[in-house]
Amino acid sequence: MNEFTILLYLLLFAATVGMTFAFMYTTMKSSLNEFNKLSKPKIHPEMKDVKNGEELLVFSMEDKEDDDDGGDIVIIRR
């Protein structure tokens, strides 16, 4: 192999390595942008009028004698 072939090989190898890192950078950048675009979960239409901290009455068919908390649930939205 002469010097021209070795130089050509090294140039193409360097270009391939550079393109690989550029591709990895743009892929990670777009993935992180997608994660940052995630919004808060949608609130169910029946729950949109419920205020944060409001207690709800919960009905359960299970019979628990030792549970005396009244069955109320406090809504906390983040």
C-alpha atoms as a PDB file:
ATOM      1  CA  MET A   1       0.000   0.000   0.000  1.00  0.00           C
ATOM      2  CA  ASN A   2       1.292   3.353  -0.853  1.00  0.00           C
ATOM      3  CA  GLU A   3       1.010   6.526   1.218  1.00  0.00           C
ATOM      4  CA  PHE A   4      -1.962   7.837  -0.760  1.00  0.00           C
ATOM      5  CA  THR A   5      -4.063   4.771   0.077  1.00  0.00           C
ATOM      6  CA  ILE A   6      -3.229   5.037   3.775  1.00  0.00           C
ATOM      7  CA  LEU A   7      -4.082   8.755   3.783  1.00  0.00           C
ATOM      8  CA  LEU A   8      -7.369   8.091   1.976  1.00  0.00           C
ATOM      9  CA  TYR A   9      -8.240   5.328   4.446  1.00  0.00           C
ATOM     10  CA  LEU A  10      -7.481   7.559   7.467  1.00  0.00           C
ATOM     11  CA  LEU A  11      -9.509  10.449   6.025  1.00  0.00           C
ATOM     12  CA  LEU A  12     -12.534   8.237   5.373  1.00  0.00           C
ATOM     13  CA  PHE A  13     -12.188   6.661   8.806  1.00  0.00           C
ATOM     14  CA  ALA A  14     -12.071  10.098  10.475  1.00  0.00           C
ATOM     15  CA  ALA A  15     -15.114  11.219   8.465  1.00  0.00           C
ATOM     16  CA  THR A  16     -17.028   8.091   9.516  1.00  0.00           C
ATOM     17  CA  VAL A  17     -16.142   8.629  13.183  1.00  0.00           C
ATOM     18  CA  GLY A  18     -17.152  12.297  12.947  1.00  0.00           C
ATOM     19  CA  MET A  19     -20.477  11.490  11.301  1.00  0.00           C
ATOM     20  CA  THR A  20     -21.149   8.814  13.929  1.00  0.00           C
ATOM     21  CA  PHE A  21     -20.665  11.239  16.798  1.00  0.00           C
ATOM     22  CA  ALA A  22     -22.710  13.907  15.024  1.00  0.00           C
ATOM     23  CA  PHE A  23     -25.546  11.413  14.564  1.00  0.00           C
ATOM     24  CA  MET A  24     -25.374  10.331  18.216  1.00  0.00           C
ATOM     25  CA  TYR A  25     -25.399  13.981  19.355  1.00  0.00           C
ATOM     26  CA  THR A  26     -28.453  14.920  17.269  1.00  0.00           C
ATOM     27  CA  THR A  27     -30.308  11.768  18.322  1.00  0.00           C
ATOM     28  CA  MET A  28     -29.688  12.422  22.021  1.00  0.00           C
ATOM     29  CA  LYS A  29     -30.613  16.087  21.599  1.00  0.00           C
ATOM     30  CA  SER A  30     -33.951  15.219  19.951  1.00  0.00           C
ATOM     31  CA  SER A  31     -34.672  12.531  22.565  1.00  0.00           C
ATOM     32  CA  LEU A  32     -34.045  14.967  25.423  1.00  0.00           C
ATOM     33  CA  ASN A  33     -36.253  17.564  23.736  1.00  0.00           C
ATOM     34  CA  GLU A  34     -39.086  15.015  23.533  1.00  0.00           C
ATOM     35  CA  PHE A  35     -38.716  14.215  27.235  1.00  0.00           C
ATOM     36  CA  ASN A  36     -38.817  17.913  28.078  1.00  0.00           C
ATOM     37  CA  LYS A  37     -42.026  18.364  26.065  1.00  0.00           C
ATOM     38  CA  LEU A  38     -43.931  15.878  28.231  1.00  0.00           C
ATOM     39  CA  SER A  39     -46.818  17.730  29.783  1.00  0.00           C
ATOM     40  CA  LYS A  40     -48.797  17.117  32.920  1.00  0.00           C
ATOM     41  CA  PRO A  41     -51.216  14.211  32.696  1.00  0.00           C
ATOM     42  CA  LYS A  42     -54.668  15.123  31.442  1.00  0.00           C
ATOM     43  CA  ILE A  43     -57.317  15.470  34.124  1.00  0.00           C
ATOM     44  CA  HIS A  44     -60.391  13.314  33.679  1.00  0.00           C
ATOM     45  CA  PRO A  45     -63.383  15.410  32.476  1.00  0.00           C
ATOM     46  CA  GLU A  46     -65.443  14.454  35.521  1.00  0.00           C
ATOM     47  CA  MET A  47     -62.647  15.626  37.850  1.00  0.00           C
ATOM     48  CA  LYS A  48     -61.980  19.035  36.275  1.00  0.00           C
ATOM     49  CA  ASP A  49     -64.307  20.845  38.731  1.00  0.00           C
ATOM     50  CA  VAL A  50     -62.662  19.241  41.801  1.00  0.00           C
ATOM     51  CA  LYS A  51     -60.302  21.620  43.587  1.00  0.00           C
ATOM     52  CA  ASN A  52     -56.898  20.643  44.959  1.00  0.00           C
ATOM     53  CA  GLY A  53     -57.216  19.491  48.596  1.00  0.00           C
ATOM     54  CA  GLU A  54     -60.941  18.765  48.370  1.00  0.00           C
ATOM     55  CA  GLU A  55     -62.141  15.599  50.100  1.00  0.00           C
ATOM     56  CA  LEU A  56     -64.097  13.013  48.133  1.00  0.00           C
ATOM     57  CA  LEU A  57     -66.481  10.383  49.458  1.00  0.00           C
ATOM     58  CA  VAL A  58     -65.494   6.860  48.419  1.00  0.00           C
ATOM     59  CA  PHE A  59     -67.868   3.886  48.404  1.00  0.00           C
ATOM     60  CA  SER A  60     -66.379   0.436  48.826  1.00  0.00           C
ATOM     61  CA  MET A  61     -68.279  -2.861  48.755  1.00  0.00           C
ATOM     62  CA  GLU A  62     -65.701  -4.531  51.036  1.00  0.00           C
ATOM     63  CA  ASP A  63     -66.732  -4.821  54.684  1.00  0.00           C
ATOM     64  CA  LYS A  64     -63.874  -3.644  56.910  1.00  0.00           C
ATOM     65  CA  GLU A  65     -64.781  -3.324  60.563  1.00  0.00           C
ATOM     66  CA  ASP A  66     -61.419  -1.993  61.751  1.00  0.00           C
ATOM     67  CA  ASP A  67     -61.273   0.799  59.164  1.00  0.00           C
ATOM     68  CA  ASP A  68     -62.860   3.910  60.671  1.00  0.00           C
ATOM     69  CA  ASP A  69     -61.310   6.729  58.631  1.00  0.00           C
ATOM     70  CA  GLY A  70     -64.629   7.586  57.012  1.00  0.00           C
ATOM     71  CA  GLY A  71     -63.650   6.621  53.472  1.00  0.00           C
ATOM     72  CA  ASP A  72     -62.637  10.132  52.418  1.00  0.00           C
ATOM     73  CA  ILE A  73     -59.825  10.734  49.930  1.00  0.00           C
ATOM     74  CA  VAL A  74     -57.970  14.016  49.643  1.00  0.00           C
ATOM     75  CA  ILE A  75     -57.111  15.112  46.092  1.00  0.00           C
ATOM     76  CA  ILE A  76     -53.559  16.442  45.617  1.00  0.00           C
ATOM     77  CA  ARG A  77     -52.543  17.523  42.120  1.00  0.00           C
ATOM     78  CA  ARG A  78     -48.935  18.165  41.230  1.00  0.00           C
END
